[in-house]
């Protein structure tokens, strides 16, 4: 019998010990925990700029402080071309571990099998706002982690309109604006990006009328040619002349600029503009949207949820999910609000005197549908709104719009 040397014994023992540690580490990963003292892992995160990049960088450092073996790498991408880029990078083997997307893209990224379901979905769902959980649920399965919530409301310049003058109905708004415009040549009583369906959808929502139905999933009936939608868009068309907007440039950036410069008394926009308007030195506040003709509650607005998703191609899905769960903590949600102005996706306290107006509006907001047909909806809406604003027949335009965005 051949004797085993002491040196050989040590080599065998070390190999077995390493194998045992490796198996233990795998077991911990499968349980969803992040093993300590393992080799360095880099999680590649696709996100945009304008404060969100700084959030990912600071949150990444905080996470790495707790998990020294995991490094968060921020990569700036154009979120509008993200899906196509992701599909291409998967083929090249260079896809990220985590992507960010507005929830109305959910149907598209799920049907293309680009992202994974939420880990511990029931726990995450309980942790976040109900509207955010609903927004990231597709075919009864939750995907991703809601990082922020959003809706829009009525901003008003308190140097131009007092708190008690803020209109509660659209009819009151028209009357106030007409008086203001007559007394203040060169200024506008009210502006909004009328060509953006994200905002103008509000005119179709009377009597509970909702795009693709109450659940937002009825692809065969978009409900954009109902009596409520047609009546609302007829009122929308009258605003061009009644609000003195016939020759106004009403793109989002133009409306933001008019309000920031003190040349518009009221403006419909979101929490993301608070920092901009504060830096401009405005004395402003935020109120819920005026009610539509015949209604007695604020007009319904789209609500949005920005989600972050573990990609199906990630080499480290458990670690990626753990990092995204970390971003839902009160500390990280408050940090994101501080850096971006976006509403938290969890029930946590943030310091903002404007939050009350948004919370009031959020009670009347509904999630943008996330079914794949939303791609057609966004594309077709531009033409429909432009035609109606310029005087086209509403029933004809809305009927055509409805037919073009249904399955």
Protein backbone atom coordinates (compact mmCIF):
# COMPACT_ATOMS: atom_id res chain seq x y z
CA UNK A 1 0.00 0.00 0.00
CA UNK A 2 1.38 3.39 -1.07
CA UNK A 3 1.74 5.92 1.70
CA UNK A 4 0.25 9.40 1.35
CA UNK A 5 2.70 12.17 2.15
CA UNK A 6 1.85 14.84 4.67
CA UNK A 7 2.00 17.44 1.91
CA UNK A 8 -0.47 15.49 -0.24
CA UNK A 9 -2.77 15.09 2.71
CA UNK A 10 -2.84 18.84 3.25
CA UNK A 11 -3.68 19.44 -0.43
CA UNK A 12 -6.57 16.95 -0.33
CA UNK A 13 -7.86 18.38 2.94
CA UNK A 14 -7.71 21.96 1.64
CA UNK A 15 -9.58 20.93 -1.51
CA UNK A 16 -12.34 19.25 0.46
CA UNK A 17 -12.60 22.24 2.80
CA UNK A 18 -12.90 24.65 -0.13
CA UNK A 19 -15.56 22.47 -1.74
CA UNK A 20 -17.54 22.45 1.51
CA UNK A 21 -17.41 26.24 1.71
CA UNK A 22 -18.46 26.53 -1.90
CA UNK A 23 -21.48 24.30 -1.36
CA UNK A 24 -22.40 26.23 1.78
CA UNK A 25 -22.20 29.50 -0.17
CA UNK A 26 -24.47 28.16 -2.92
CA UNK A 27 -26.97 27.06 -0.31
CA UNK A 28 -27.03 30.55 1.21
CA UNK A 29 -27.55 32.15 -2.19
CA UNK A 30 -30.49 29.87 -2.94
CA UNK A 31 -32.06 30.94 0.33
CA UNK A 32 -31.88 34.57 -0.85
CA UNK A 33 -29.12 35.71 1.52
CA UNK A 34 -25.88 37.24 0.37
CA UNK A 35 -22.85 35.18 1.50
CA UNK A 36 -20.02 37.01 3.26
CA UNK A 37 -16.38 36.82 2.24
CA UNK A 38 -17.14 35.45 -1.21
CA UNK A 39 -15.38 36.75 -4.30
CA UNK A 40 -16.13 40.27 -5.47
CA UNK A 41 -19.39 40.62 -7.41
CA UNK A 42 -20.26 43.54 -9.65
CA UNK A 43 -23.92 44.33 -10.25
CA UNK A 44 -24.39 46.39 -13.41
CA UNK A 45 -27.32 48.82 -13.07
CA UNK A 46 -28.85 50.65 -16.02
CA UNK A 47 -30.41 53.99 -15.10
CA UNK A 48 -30.77 57.56 -16.35
CA UNK A 49 -29.33 60.82 -15.03
CA UNK A 50 -30.90 63.96 -13.52
CA UNK A 51 -30.43 62.92 -9.91
CA UNK A 52 -31.31 59.27 -10.34
CA UNK A 53 -27.69 58.50 -11.19
CA UNK A 54 -26.54 60.07 -7.93
CA UNK A 55 -29.12 58.05 -6.03
CA UNK A 56 -27.86 54.76 -7.48
CA UNK A 57 -24.25 55.73 -6.72
CA UNK A 58 -24.95 56.73 -3.11
CA UNK A 59 -27.27 53.78 -2.49
CA UNK A 60 -24.66 51.51 -4.02
CA UNK A 61 -22.00 52.74 -1.62
CA UNK A 62 -24.34 52.25 1.33
CA UNK A 63 -25.12 48.70 0.19
CA UNK A 64 -21.46 47.86 -0.37
CA UNK A 65 -20.71 49.08 3.15
CA UNK A 66 -22.98 46.27 4.36
CA UNK A 67 -21.85 43.75 1.71
CA UNK A 68 -18.18 44.53 0.92
CA UNK A 69 -17.97 41.83 -1.75
CA UNK A 70 -20.75 43.39 -3.86
CA UNK A 71 -20.02 46.48 -5.97
CA UNK A 72 -22.80 48.47 -7.67
CA UNK A 73 -21.81 49.78 -11.11
CA UNK A 74 -24.01 52.59 -12.48
CA UNK A 75 -24.34 52.69 -16.28
CA UNK A 76 -26.18 55.57 -17.93
CA UNK A 77 -28.62 54.51 -20.66
CA UNK A 78 -31.34 56.15 -22.71
CA UNK A 79 -34.42 54.73 -21.03
CA UNK A 80 -36.49 55.24 -24.20
CA UNK A 81 -34.26 52.81 -26.15
CA UNK A 82 -33.61 50.53 -23.21
CA UNK A 83 -35.59 47.48 -24.30
CA UNK A 84 -34.01 47.33 -27.74
CA UNK A 85 -30.55 47.86 -26.25
CA UNK A 86 -31.15 45.13 -23.68
CA UNK A 87 -32.21 42.63 -26.32
CA UNK A 88 -29.08 43.43 -28.31
CA UNK A 89 -26.75 43.23 -25.31
CA UNK A 90 -28.19 39.87 -24.24
CA UNK A 91 -27.08 38.46 -27.59
CA UNK A 92 -23.61 39.93 -27.02
CA UNK A 93 -23.39 38.54 -23.49
CA UNK A 94 -22.98 42.00 -21.90
CA UNK A 95 -26.48 42.58 -20.51
CA UNK A 96 -26.90 44.30 -17.11
CA UNK A 97 -28.13 42.72 -13.90
CA UNK A 98 -30.69 45.44 -13.22
CA UNK A 99 -32.73 47.77 -15.41
CA UNK A 100 -35.18 50.55 -14.64
CA UNK A 101 -38.42 51.16 -16.51
CA UNK A 102 -41.77 52.93 -16.13
CA UNK A 103 -44.44 50.43 -15.25
CA UNK A 104 -46.36 50.88 -18.52
CA UNK A 105 -43.48 48.98 -20.20
CA UNK A 106 -44.12 45.99 -17.96
CA UNK A 107 -46.21 44.01 -20.44
CA UNK A 108 -43.56 44.40 -23.10
CA UNK A 109 -40.57 43.35 -21.01
CA UNK A 110 -42.47 40.45 -19.44
CA UNK A 111 -43.79 39.01 -22.71
CA UNK A 112 -40.28 39.26 -24.14
CA UNK A 113 -39.04 37.36 -21.05
CA UNK A 114 -36.43 40.00 -20.26
CA UNK A 115 -37.02 40.26 -16.49
CA UNK A 116 -37.63 37.97 -13.52
CA UNK A 117 -40.58 37.89 -11.10
CA UNK A 118 -40.18 39.64 -7.77
CA UNK A 119 -38.42 37.66 -5.04
CA UNK A 120 -40.60 37.43 -1.92
CA UNK A 121 -43.39 39.17 -3.80
CA UNK A 122 -45.92 39.00 -0.96
CA UNK A 123 -43.50 40.71 1.42
CA UNK A 124 -42.56 43.39 -1.11
CA UNK A 125 -46.22 43.98 -1.96
CA UNK A 126 -47.06 44.60 1.70
CA UNK A 127 -44.12 46.97 2.04
CA UNK A 128 -45.01 49.29 -0.85
CA UNK A 129 -48.04 51.45 -1.68
CA UNK A 130 -50.98 49.45 -3.03
CA UNK A 131 -51.01 51.42 -6.28
CA UNK A 132 -47.34 50.60 -6.85
CA UNK A 133 -47.83 46.90 -6.19
CA UNK A 134 -50.77 46.83 -8.61
CA UNK A 135 -48.78 48.70 -11.23
CA UNK A 136 -46.03 46.06 -11.27
CA UNK A 137 -48.39 43.09 -11.38
CA UNK A 138 -48.94 41.41 -14.75
CA UNK A 139 -51.16 38.34 -15.20
CA UNK A 140 -51.33 38.00 -11.40
CA UNK A 141 -47.54 37.91 -11.02
CA UNK A 142 -45.46 40.72 -9.58
CA UNK A 143 -42.30 41.74 -11.42
CA UNK A 144 -39.60 44.07 -10.16
CA UNK A 145 -39.43 46.49 -7.27
CA UNK A 146 -41.32 49.82 -7.25
CA UNK A 147 -38.74 52.53 -6.59
CA UNK A 148 -40.93 55.62 -6.83
CA UNK A 149 -44.48 56.75 -7.50
CA UNK A 150 -45.70 59.70 -9.49
CA UNK A 151 -48.72 61.62 -10.61
CA UNK A 152 -49.30 65.23 -11.54
CA UNK A 153 -51.37 68.02 -10.05
CA UNK A 154 -52.15 71.71 -10.38
CA UNK A 155 -49.21 74.01 -9.55
CA UNK A 156 -50.04 77.66 -8.93
CA UNK A 157 -47.96 80.79 -8.45
CA UNK A 158 -49.12 82.44 -5.22
CA UNK A 159 -47.93 85.85 -6.41
CA UNK A 160 -50.41 85.64 -9.27
CA UNK A 161 -53.28 83.67 -7.72
CA UNK A 162 -54.14 83.38 -4.04
CA UNK A 163 -54.83 80.11 -2.25
CA UNK A 164 -58.55 80.82 -1.98
CA UNK A 165 -58.82 81.64 -5.69
CA UNK A 166 -57.51 78.26 -6.88
CA UNK A 167 -60.29 76.78 -9.03
CA UNK A 168 -61.96 73.55 -7.97
CA UNK A 169 -63.65 72.99 -11.34
CA UNK A 170 -62.53 73.45 -14.94
CA UNK A 171 -65.36 75.91 -15.50
CA UNK A 172 -64.02 78.04 -12.63
CA UNK A 173 -60.52 77.76 -14.09
CA UNK A 174 -61.68 79.09 -17.47
CA UNK A 175 -63.48 82.04 -15.87
CA UNK A 176 -60.47 82.97 -13.70
CA UNK A 177 -58.00 82.65 -16.60
CA UNK A 178 -60.08 84.87 -18.87
CA UNK A 179 -60.08 87.64 -16.24
CA UNK A 180 -56.37 87.21 -15.57
CA UNK A 181 -55.38 87.21 -19.26
CA UNK A 182 -57.35 90.40 -19.87
CA UNK A 183 -55.60 92.14 -16.97
CA UNK A 184 -52.11 90.77 -17.65
CA UNK A 185 -51.13 91.00 -21.34
CA UNK A 186 -48.15 88.80 -22.16
CA UNK A 187 -48.84 86.35 -19.33
CA UNK A 188 -50.90 83.17 -19.24
CA UNK A 189 -53.44 82.22 -16.60
CA UNK A 190 -52.92 78.54 -17.31
CA UNK A 191 -50.60 76.30 -19.35
CA UNK A 192 -50.11 72.56 -19.82
CA UNK A 193 -48.63 70.29 -22.46
CA UNK A 194 -51.92 69.60 -24.25
CA UNK A 195 -50.17 67.39 -26.82
CA UNK A 196 -49.04 64.90 -24.18
CA UNK A 197 -51.62 62.20 -23.58
CA UNK A 198 -49.93 61.57 -20.24
CA UNK A 199 -51.64 64.75 -19.06
CA UNK A 200 -54.57 65.10 -21.47
CA UNK A 201 -55.92 61.64 -20.66
CA UNK A 202 -57.62 63.37 -17.72
CA UNK A 203 -60.28 64.78 -20.07
CA UNK A 204 -61.49 61.25 -20.94
CA UNK A 205 -62.04 60.06 -17.36
CA UNK A 206 -65.48 61.39 -16.35
CA UNK A 207 -67.89 58.96 -14.73
CA UNK A 208 -65.13 56.43 -14.06
CA UNK A 209 -64.18 55.97 -17.71
CA UNK A 210 -60.72 54.38 -17.75
CA UNK A 211 -58.31 53.49 -20.53
CA UNK A 212 -58.59 49.73 -21.20
CA UNK A 213 -61.17 49.42 -18.42
CA UNK A 214 -61.01 49.51 -14.64
CA UNK A 215 -58.23 46.90 -14.52
CA UNK A 216 -56.34 48.44 -17.43
CA UNK A 217 -56.14 45.05 -19.14
CA UNK A 218 -59.09 44.98 -21.55
CA UNK A 219 -57.08 45.22 -24.77
CA UNK A 220 -60.21 44.70 -26.88
CA UNK A 221 -62.00 47.77 -25.51
CA UNK A 222 -59.79 50.85 -24.92
CA UNK A 223 -62.86 52.97 -24.04
CA UNK A 224 -61.57 56.01 -25.89
CA UNK A 225 -64.76 56.41 -27.94
CA UNK A 226 -67.26 56.30 -25.09
CA UNK A 227 -69.71 59.18 -24.55
CA UNK A 228 -67.62 60.27 -21.55
CA UNK A 229 -64.38 60.35 -23.53
CA UNK A 230 -65.96 62.21 -26.45
CA UNK A 231 -67.66 64.75 -24.16
CA UNK A 232 -64.39 65.37 -22.32
CA UNK A 233 -62.41 65.86 -25.53
CA UNK A 234 -65.01 68.32 -26.82
CA UNK A 235 -64.37 70.39 -23.70
CA UNK A 236 -60.61 69.95 -24.23
CA UNK A 237 -60.93 71.38 -27.75
CA UNK A 238 -62.66 74.53 -26.47
CA UNK A 239 -59.72 75.37 -24.18
CA UNK A 240 -57.54 76.51 -27.07
CA UNK A 241 -59.62 79.63 -27.52
CA UNK A 242 -61.23 80.01 -24.08
CA UNK A 243 -57.84 80.01 -22.31
CA UNK A 244 -56.10 82.19 -24.88
CA UNK A 245 -53.76 79.40 -26.03
CA UNK A 246 -54.34 79.65 -29.78
CA UNK A 247 -50.80 80.74 -30.63
CA UNK A 248 -48.99 79.45 -27.53
CA UNK A 249 -46.06 77.05 -27.65
CA UNK A 250 -47.23 74.33 -25.25
CA UNK A 251 -44.50 71.70 -25.20
CA UNK A 252 -43.55 70.36 -21.77
CA UNK A 253 -40.32 72.38 -21.68
CA UNK A 254 -42.09 75.57 -22.80
CA UNK A 255 -44.81 75.22 -20.17
CA UNK A 256 -42.23 74.50 -17.48
CA UNK A 257 -40.31 77.58 -18.57
CA UNK A 258 -43.37 79.84 -18.58
CA UNK A 259 -44.28 78.81 -15.05
CA UNK A 260 -40.68 78.96 -13.75
CA UNK A 261 -40.25 82.48 -15.14
CA UNK A 262 -43.44 83.75 -13.49
CA UNK A 263 -45.26 84.13 -16.79
CA UNK A 264 -47.96 81.54 -16.08
CA UNK A 265 -50.23 81.49 -13.04
CA UNK A 266 -51.12 77.78 -13.17
CA UNK A 267 -49.52 74.71 -14.69
CA UNK A 268 -50.15 70.96 -14.61
CA UNK A 269 -46.95 69.06 -13.89
CA UNK A 270 -45.39 66.71 -11.34
CA UNK A 271 -43.27 66.57 -8.22
CA UNK A 272 -40.14 66.25 -10.35
CA UNK A 273 -40.39 69.99 -11.09
CA UNK A 274 -40.47 71.15 -7.47
CA UNK A 275 -36.70 71.60 -7.25
CA UNK A 276 -36.65 73.57 -10.52
CA UNK A 277 -39.38 75.94 -9.41
CA UNK A 278 -37.84 76.42 -5.97
CA UNK A 279 -34.49 77.30 -7.53
CA UNK A 280 -36.33 79.84 -9.70
CA UNK A 281 -37.46 81.59 -6.52
CA UNK A 282 -41.17 81.01 -7.04
CA UNK A 283 -43.70 81.20 -4.22
CA UNK A 284 -45.94 78.36 -5.33
CA UNK A 285 -48.14 75.58 -4.04
CA UNK A 286 -49.85 72.45 -5.35
CA UNK A 287 -53.53 71.47 -5.44
CA UNK A 288 -55.54 68.57 -6.80
CA UNK A 289 -56.78 68.87 -10.38
CA UNK A 290 -60.04 70.73 -11.03
CA UNK A 291 -63.09 68.54 -11.56
CA UNK A 292 -64.41 67.96 -15.06
CA UNK A 293 -67.77 69.46 -16.15
CA UNK A 294 -70.58 67.57 -14.41
CA UNK A 295 -68.23 66.02 -11.82
CA UNK A 296 -67.73 66.96 -8.17
CA UNK A 297 -64.30 65.42 -7.48
CA UNK A 298 -60.81 66.04 -8.89
CA UNK A 299 -60.29 64.82 -12.44
CA UNK A 300 -58.50 61.48 -12.59
CA UNK A 301 -54.82 61.50 -13.54
CA UNK A 302 -52.41 58.84 -14.65
CA UNK A 303 -50.27 57.49 -11.83
CA UNK A 304 -46.92 56.01 -12.66
CA UNK A 305 -44.57 53.66 -10.89
CA UNK A 306 -40.91 53.51 -11.75
CA UNK A 307 -39.76 49.96 -11.30
CA UNK A 308 -36.35 48.37 -11.13
CA UNK A 309 -36.06 44.83 -12.43
CA UNK A 310 -33.65 41.94 -12.21
CA UNK A 311 -32.90 40.86 -15.76
CA UNK A 312 -33.46 37.28 -16.82
CA UNK A 313 -29.85 37.25 -18.05
CA UNK A 314 -28.29 38.34 -14.74
CA UNK A 315 -25.48 36.14 -13.46
CA UNK A 316 -26.30 37.26 -9.91
CA UNK A 317 -30.11 37.38 -9.60
CA UNK A 318 -30.22 36.76 -5.83
CA UNK A 319 -27.77 39.55 -5.08
CA UNK A 320 -29.54 41.89 -7.50
CA UNK A 321 -32.89 41.20 -5.81
CA UNK A 322 -31.34 41.82 -2.41
CA UNK A 323 -29.99 45.20 -3.54
CA UNK A 324 -33.36 46.24 -4.94
CA UNK A 325 -35.10 45.23 -1.71
CA UNK A 326 -32.54 47.42 0.08
CA UNK A 327 -33.69 50.38 -2.06
CA UNK A 328 -37.18 50.05 -0.54
CA UNK A 329 -35.97 50.85 2.98
CA UNK A 330 -37.17 54.15 4.48
CA UNK A 331 -33.62 55.54 4.46
CA UNK A 332 -33.13 54.84 0.75
CA UNK A 333 -36.60 56.08 -0.20
CA UNK A 334 -35.99 59.33 1.67
CA UNK A 335 -32.60 59.67 -0.04
CA UNK A 336 -34.19 59.21 -3.44
CA UNK A 337 -36.79 61.86 -2.67
CA UNK A 338 -34.06 64.27 -1.57
CA UNK A 339 -32.03 63.73 -4.75
CA UNK A 340 -34.81 63.42 -7.35
CA UNK A 341 -38.00 64.84 -5.85
CA UNK A 342 -39.85 61.62 -6.75
CA UNK A 343 -42.61 60.37 -4.47
CA UNK A 344 -41.60 57.38 -2.32
CA UNK A 345 -43.12 54.02 -3.19
CA UNK A 346 -43.53 53.16 0.49
CA UNK A 347 -45.42 54.83 3.30
CA UNK A 348 -42.68 57.01 4.75
CA UNK A 349 -42.42 60.62 5.85
CA UNK A 350 -40.60 63.11 3.64
CA UNK A 351 -40.08 66.80 4.20
CA UNK A 352 -42.09 68.69 1.56
CA UNK A 353 -44.80 71.28 1.96
CA UNK A 354 -46.10 70.32 -1.48
CA UNK A 355 -46.70 66.64 -0.76
CA UNK A 356 -50.25 67.15 0.51
CA UNK A 357 -51.49 68.32 -2.89
CA UNK A 358 -49.99 65.28 -4.59
CA UNK A 359 -51.36 62.88 -2.01
CA UNK A 360 -54.83 64.35 -2.53
CA UNK A 361 -54.52 63.85 -6.28
CA UNK A 362 -53.11 60.35 -5.85
CA UNK A 363 -56.46 59.35 -4.33
CA UNK A 364 -58.03 60.01 -7.75
CA UNK A 365 -55.19 58.70 -9.91
CA UNK A 366 -55.15 55.38 -11.73
CA UNK A 367 -52.13 53.36 -12.91
CA UNK A 368 -51.18 53.66 -16.54
CA UNK A 369 -52.05 50.31 -18.13
CA UNK A 370 -49.02 48.10 -18.71
CA UNK A 371 -50.35 45.81 -21.43
CA UNK A 372 -48.32 45.63 -24.67
CA UNK A 373 -50.96 47.67 -26.52
CA UNK A 374 -49.72 50.75 -24.65
CA UNK A 375 -47.00 51.02 -27.27
CA UNK A 376 -49.67 51.76 -29.87
CA UNK A 377 -51.50 54.06 -27.46
CA UNK A 378 -48.57 56.42 -26.98
CA UNK A 379 -47.81 56.55 -30.69
CA UNK A 380 -51.36 57.11 -31.89
CA UNK A 381 -52.22 59.67 -29.22
CA UNK A 382 -49.88 62.34 -30.58
CA UNK A 383 -51.72 62.55 -33.90
CA UNK A 384 -55.16 62.37 -32.28
CA UNK A 385 -54.48 65.18 -29.82
CA UNK A 386 -52.92 67.42 -32.45
CA UNK A 387 -55.86 66.94 -34.80
CA UNK A 388 -58.46 67.60 -32.11
CA UNK A 389 -56.61 70.65 -30.74
CA UNK A 390 -56.52 72.05 -34.27
CA UNK A 391 -60.28 71.65 -34.74
CA UNK A 392 -60.85 68.17 -36.19
CA UNK A 393 -64.14 66.31 -35.65
CA UNK A 394 -63.90 64.74 -32.20
CA UNK A 395 -66.14 61.72 -32.70
CA UNK A 396 -64.31 60.75 -35.87
CA UNK A 397 -60.86 61.21 -34.32
CA UNK A 398 -61.68 59.33 -31.12
CA UNK A 399 -63.31 56.48 -33.00
CA UNK A 400 -60.23 56.11 -35.19
CA UNK A 401 -57.96 56.37 -32.15
CA UNK A 402 -59.93 53.70 -30.30
CA UNK A 403 -59.78 51.29 -33.26
CA UNK A 404 -56.04 51.80 -33.72
CA UNK A 405 -55.09 50.96 -30.14
CA UNK A 406 -57.18 47.86 -29.53
CA UNK A 407 -56.26 44.24 -30.19
